[in-house]
Amino acid sequence: MAQSNAASDMPIWARPEPAGRRPRFSRDQIAAAALAIADAEGFDAVSMRKIAAALGAGTMSLYRYIATKADLMALLDDALLGEALVPEGEMPGDWRDAVAEVARRTRATLLRHPWAVHALHGPGGAQNEQAGPNGLRHFEQSLAALDGAPLNMQAKANLLATVDDYVIGHALQAGELIARFGRSPELPESVVRDFIDSQLASGDYPRVAEFLAGPAAQSVVDPDRLQERFEHGLRLLIDGFAAEPGSQPPAD
């Protein structure tokens, strides 16, 4: 998947749809087909051949829509950002709650597509390389969530970047659990406990043994606490930025 001409060197969003009165496929349809393959078989299974088969098309015909692998990744990234948007009319009025809702929707999207953290946000990923329409909408919505915040623009930018780091880090850990155990991120206690017990028997981990003997250990493996830990950390993060000295806008 590597054409080299003036058109293919442009971001996919800057190029017109294929010529013709009625293009057979839209970029949204191609992205949806690729997402379905990645969700079912993993990102490495996504190929032009499989996308074409899912759409009932010839592989070569898709090159009219997608010139490079970067184009495909840009379509996938933008589709996920569209999924993460807060629906119109559902944004909370309080700026803290609004920022938290944007983060919550983004987290939920990444947990539904755990391959996306490595594929799109890791080295060589599509994040920020080709800003698409949903990417711009997501950024606009994130800034709009901060309209009522008593923060200067630098503090707002830092807050959004830090929240993104927090959400992606949380999703990365959940994705690793899915990849390792082939399950949802809410891993049953018994699966973890069997492995840990075998290691603690060596006596090499006295602090871990002490931790696991106390009530705090339940929070690590309790499926009901995953969301709770995320929400608690997110609230502390947002409140910390609000209270940071020097983050307030200058007085008139």
Protein backbone atom coordinates (compact mmCIF):
# COMPACT_ATOMS: atom_id res chain seq x y z
CA MET A 1 0.00 0.00 0.00
CA ALA A 2 2.40 2.70 -1.15
CA GLN A 3 1.69 5.03 -4.01
CA SER A 4 3.83 8.11 -4.55
CA ASN A 5 2.30 11.06 -6.29
CA ALA A 6 1.22 14.58 -5.44
CA ALA A 7 -2.22 13.45 -4.31
CA SER A 8 -1.06 10.59 -2.08
CA ASP A 9 1.45 12.90 -0.39
CA MET A 10 -1.46 15.02 0.86
CA PRO A 11 -3.41 14.14 4.04
CA ILE A 12 -6.34 11.94 3.11
CA TRP A 13 -8.77 14.59 4.39
CA ALA A 14 -7.37 17.14 1.93
CA ARG A 15 -7.98 14.87 -1.06
CA PRO A 16 -11.35 14.65 -2.80
CA GLU A 17 -13.35 11.44 -2.75
CA PRO A 18 -12.79 9.29 -5.87
CA ALA A 19 -14.17 10.83 -9.03
CA GLY A 20 -17.53 9.69 -10.33
CA ARG A 21 -21.13 10.51 -9.88
CA ARG A 22 -21.57 7.91 -7.16
CA PRO A 23 -18.44 6.57 -5.46
CA ARG A 24 -19.16 2.99 -4.50
CA PHE A 25 -17.82 3.30 -0.99
CA SER A 26 -17.39 6.11 1.50
CA ARG A 27 -14.40 6.54 3.76
CA ASP A 28 -16.73 5.91 6.70
CA GLN A 29 -17.68 2.51 5.26
CA ILE A 30 -14.04 1.57 4.76
CA ALA A 31 -13.20 2.65 8.32
CA ALA A 32 -16.15 0.67 9.72
CA ALA A 33 -15.04 -2.47 7.89
CA ALA A 34 -11.47 -2.06 9.14
CA LEU A 35 -12.69 -1.50 12.71
CA ALA A 36 -14.78 -4.67 12.61
CA ILE A 37 -11.76 -6.70 11.45
CA ALA A 38 -9.48 -5.20 14.12
CA ASP A 39 -12.04 -5.86 16.86
CA ALA A 40 -12.60 -9.45 15.79
CA GLU A 41 -9.07 -10.50 14.84
CA GLY A 42 -6.66 -7.85 16.12
CA PHE A 43 -5.11 -4.88 14.36
CA ASP A 44 -2.42 -6.95 12.65
CA ALA A 45 -5.16 -8.81 10.78
CA VAL A 46 -6.37 -5.64 9.05
CA SER A 47 -5.41 -5.68 5.39
CA MET A 48 -6.69 -4.21 2.16
CA ARG A 49 -7.62 -7.71 1.04
CA LYS A 50 -9.79 -8.34 4.10
CA ILE A 51 -11.38 -4.90 3.97
CA ALA A 52 -12.19 -5.39 0.30
CA ALA A 53 -13.70 -8.81 1.01
CA ALA A 54 -15.86 -7.37 3.79
CA LEU A 55 -17.12 -4.68 1.42
CA GLY A 56 -17.58 -7.04 -1.52
CA ALA A 57 -15.02 -5.17 -3.59
CA GLY A 58 -11.81 -5.88 -5.43
CA THR A 59 -8.66 -5.15 -3.47
CA MET A 60 -7.22 -2.86 -6.11
CA SER A 61 -10.39 -0.78 -6.26
CA LEU A 62 -9.80 0.39 -2.68
CA TYR A 63 -6.59 2.12 -3.70
CA ARG A 64 -8.80 4.78 -5.27
CA TYR A 65 -9.79 5.66 -1.69
CA ILE A 66 -6.68 4.76 0.34
CA ALA A 67 -3.19 5.38 -1.00
CA THR A 68 -1.04 4.41 1.99
CA LYS A 69 -1.13 2.60 5.33
CA ALA A 70 -1.04 6.02 6.99
CA ASP A 71 -4.35 6.82 5.24
CA LEU A 72 -5.97 3.70 6.66
CA MET A 73 -4.70 4.43 10.16
CA ALA A 74 -5.92 8.01 9.87
CA LEU A 75 -9.40 6.74 8.96
CA LEU A 76 -9.39 4.35 11.92
CA ASP A 77 -8.17 7.01 14.34
CA ASP A 78 -10.80 9.48 13.17
CA ALA A 79 -13.57 6.86 13.40
CA LEU A 80 -12.63 6.14 17.02
CA LEU A 81 -12.54 9.85 17.88
CA GLY A 82 -16.01 10.19 16.39
CA GLU A 83 -17.18 7.35 18.62
CA ALA A 84 -15.70 9.13 21.64
CA LEU A 85 -17.59 12.40 21.08
CA VAL A 86 -20.10 13.41 23.73
CA PRO A 87 -23.51 13.48 21.98
CA GLU A 88 -25.02 16.88 21.40
CA GLY A 89 -27.00 18.10 24.39
CA GLU A 90 -25.32 15.70 26.85
CA MET A 91 -22.34 17.83 27.88
CA PRO A 92 -22.53 18.71 31.62
CA GLY A 93 -22.73 22.39 32.49
CA ASP A 94 -19.99 22.37 35.13
CA TRP A 95 -16.55 22.49 33.52
CA ARG A 96 -15.09 19.84 35.82
CA ASP A 97 -17.90 17.44 35.00
CA ALA A 98 -17.59 18.30 31.30
CA VAL A 99 -13.87 17.49 31.18
CA ALA A 100 -14.54 14.27 33.08
CA GLU A 101 -17.29 13.29 30.64
CA VAL A 102 -15.00 13.78 27.63
CA ALA A 103 -12.37 11.62 29.36
CA ARG A 104 -14.98 9.02 30.29
CA ARG A 105 -16.21 8.70 26.71
CA THR A 106 -12.67 8.43 25.38
CA ARG A 107 -11.81 5.73 27.92
CA ALA A 108 -14.93 3.75 27.06
CA THR A 109 -14.05 3.88 23.35
CA LEU A 110 -10.51 2.66 23.94
CA LEU A 111 -11.74 -0.18 26.15
CA ARG A 112 -14.12 -1.27 23.40
CA HIS A 113 -11.18 -1.30 20.97
CA PRO A 114 -8.15 -2.27 23.11
CA TRP A 115 -5.86 -2.73 20.10
CA ALA A 116 -6.14 0.98 19.33
CA VAL A 117 -3.81 2.20 22.09
CA HIS A 118 -0.78 0.41 20.65
CA ALA A 119 -1.76 0.68 17.00
CA LEU A 120 -2.75 4.34 16.89
CA HIS A 121 -1.12 5.99 19.89
CA GLY A 122 2.15 4.06 19.99
CA PRO A 123 5.30 4.52 17.86
CA GLY A 124 4.39 4.81 14.21
CA GLY A 125 0.73 5.35 15.02
CA ALA A 126 -1.61 7.78 13.34
CA GLN A 127 -2.26 10.04 16.31
CA ASN A 128 -1.83 13.71 15.31
CA GLU A 129 -0.31 12.86 11.92
CA GLN A 130 -3.47 13.49 9.88
CA ALA A 131 -6.01 15.52 11.83
CA GLY A 132 -9.41 14.47 10.52
CA PRO A 133 -12.88 15.97 10.96
CA ASN A 134 -13.72 13.94 14.06
CA GLY A 135 -10.32 14.70 15.54
CA LEU A 136 -11.00 18.40 15.16
CA ARG A 137 -14.50 17.96 16.62
CA HIS A 138 -13.06 16.09 19.60
CA PHE A 139 -10.49 18.83 20.23
CA GLU A 140 -13.13 21.54 19.82
CA GLN A 141 -15.39 19.70 22.25
CA SER A 142 -12.56 19.33 24.76
CA LEU A 143 -11.84 23.06 24.60
CA ALA A 144 -15.54 23.86 24.86
CA ALA A 145 -15.73 21.76 28.01
CA LEU A 146 -13.27 24.22 29.57
CA ASP A 147 -15.21 27.35 28.62
CA GLY A 148 -16.25 27.97 32.21
CA ALA A 149 -12.95 27.00 33.80
CA PRO A 150 -11.07 29.76 35.67
CA LEU A 151 -7.82 28.72 33.99
CA ASN A 152 -5.50 30.47 31.58
CA MET A 153 -5.01 28.97 28.13
CA GLN A 154 -1.69 27.34 29.02
CA ALA A 155 -3.27 25.64 32.04
CA LYS A 156 -6.16 24.45 29.87
CA ALA A 157 -3.75 22.98 27.33
CA ASN A 158 -1.76 21.27 30.07
CA LEU A 159 -4.91 19.88 31.66
CA LEU A 160 -6.20 18.40 28.41
CA ALA A 161 -2.82 16.84 27.62
CA THR A 162 -2.52 15.37 31.11
CA VAL A 163 -6.05 13.98 31.03
CA ASP A 164 -5.26 12.36 27.67
CA ASP A 165 -2.12 10.81 29.18
CA TYR A 166 -4.16 9.48 32.11
CA VAL A 167 -6.90 8.02 29.92
CA ILE A 168 -4.48 6.38 27.49
CA GLY A 169 -2.40 4.95 30.33
CA HIS A 170 -5.50 3.48 31.94
CA ALA A 171 -6.64 1.99 28.64
CA LEU A 172 -3.15 0.62 27.97
CA GLN A 173 -3.19 -1.41 31.18
CA ALA A 174 -6.66 -2.73 30.43
CA GLY A 175 -5.63 -3.60 26.88
CA GLU A 176 -2.63 -5.54 28.13
CA LEU A 177 -4.90 -7.62 30.36
CA ILE A 178 -7.15 -8.37 27.40
CA ALA A 179 -4.19 -9.37 25.23
CA ARG A 180 -2.66 -11.55 27.93
CA PHE A 181 -5.74 -13.35 29.15
CA GLY A 182 -8.17 -13.01 26.26
CA ARG A 183 -10.77 -11.56 28.60
CA SER A 184 -12.35 -8.27 29.52
CA PRO A 185 -10.21 -5.85 31.59
CA GLU A 186 -12.18 -6.81 34.71
CA LEU A 187 -10.01 -9.86 35.36
CA PRO A 188 -11.46 -12.39 37.83
CA GLU A 189 -9.63 -12.56 41.13
CA SER A 190 -8.94 -16.28 40.81
CA VAL A 191 -6.84 -15.86 37.66
CA VAL A 192 -4.56 -13.31 39.29
CA ARG A 193 -4.49 -15.05 42.65
CA ASP A 194 -3.25 -18.39 41.25
CA PHE A 195 -0.22 -16.73 39.71
CA ILE A 196 0.55 -14.49 42.69
CA ASP A 197 0.27 -17.32 45.20
CA SER A 198 2.83 -19.34 43.28
CA GLN A 199 5.26 -16.40 43.42
CA LEU A 200 4.67 -15.49 47.08
CA ALA A 201 5.57 -19.01 48.13
CA SER A 202 9.21 -18.14 47.40
CA GLY A 203 9.32 -15.57 50.20
CA ASP A 204 10.95 -13.03 47.87
CA TYR A 205 8.06 -10.57 48.04
CA PRO A 206 7.35 -9.76 51.73
CA ARG A 207 5.84 -6.33 51.04
CA VAL A 208 3.55 -7.72 48.38
CA ALA A 209 2.49 -10.44 50.83
CA GLU A 210 1.71 -7.83 53.48
CA PHE A 211 -0.28 -5.78 50.98
CA LEU A 212 -2.32 -8.76 49.83
CA ALA A 213 -3.13 -9.68 53.40
CA GLY A 214 -4.88 -6.34 53.92
CA PRO A 215 -8.19 -4.95 52.66
CA ALA A 216 -6.56 -2.69 50.03
CA ALA A 217 -5.66 -5.73 47.94
CA GLN A 218 -9.28 -6.27 46.99
CA SER A 219 -9.26 -3.01 45.05
CA VAL A 220 -6.65 -4.41 42.67
CA VAL A 221 -8.70 -7.39 41.53
CA ASP A 222 -12.29 -6.39 42.25
CA PRO A 223 -14.02 -5.81 38.88
CA ASP A 224 -16.31 -3.24 40.44
CA ARG A 225 -13.38 -1.05 41.43
CA LEU A 226 -11.84 -0.50 37.98
CA GLN A 227 -14.25 2.28 37.07
CA GLU A 228 -14.15 3.65 40.61
CA ARG A 229 -10.35 3.97 40.56
CA PHE A 230 -10.47 5.69 37.20
CA GLU A 231 -13.07 8.20 38.38
CA HIS A 232 -11.24 8.90 41.63
CA GLY A 233 -7.93 9.57 39.91
CA LEU A 234 -9.58 11.69 37.22
CA ARG A 235 -11.29 13.89 39.79
CA LEU A 236 -8.06 14.41 41.72
CA LEU A 237 -6.28 15.33 38.51
CA ILE A 238 -8.88 17.90 37.44
CA ASP A 239 -9.18 19.42 40.91
CA GLY A 240 -5.40 19.63 41.17
CA PHE A 241 -5.19 21.76 38.03
CA ALA A 242 -7.98 24.00 39.29
CA ALA A 243 -6.08 24.64 42.51
CA GLU A 244 -2.63 25.08 40.98
CA PRO A 245 -1.10 28.49 41.72
CA GLY A 246 -0.52 30.57 38.60
CA SER A 247 -3.12 28.73 36.52
CA GLN A 248 -5.74 31.43 36.88
CA PRO A 249 -6.23 33.96 34.05
CA PRO A 250 -4.83 37.44 34.70
CA ALA A 251 -7.18 39.90 36.35
CA ASP A 252 -8.64 42.65 34.16
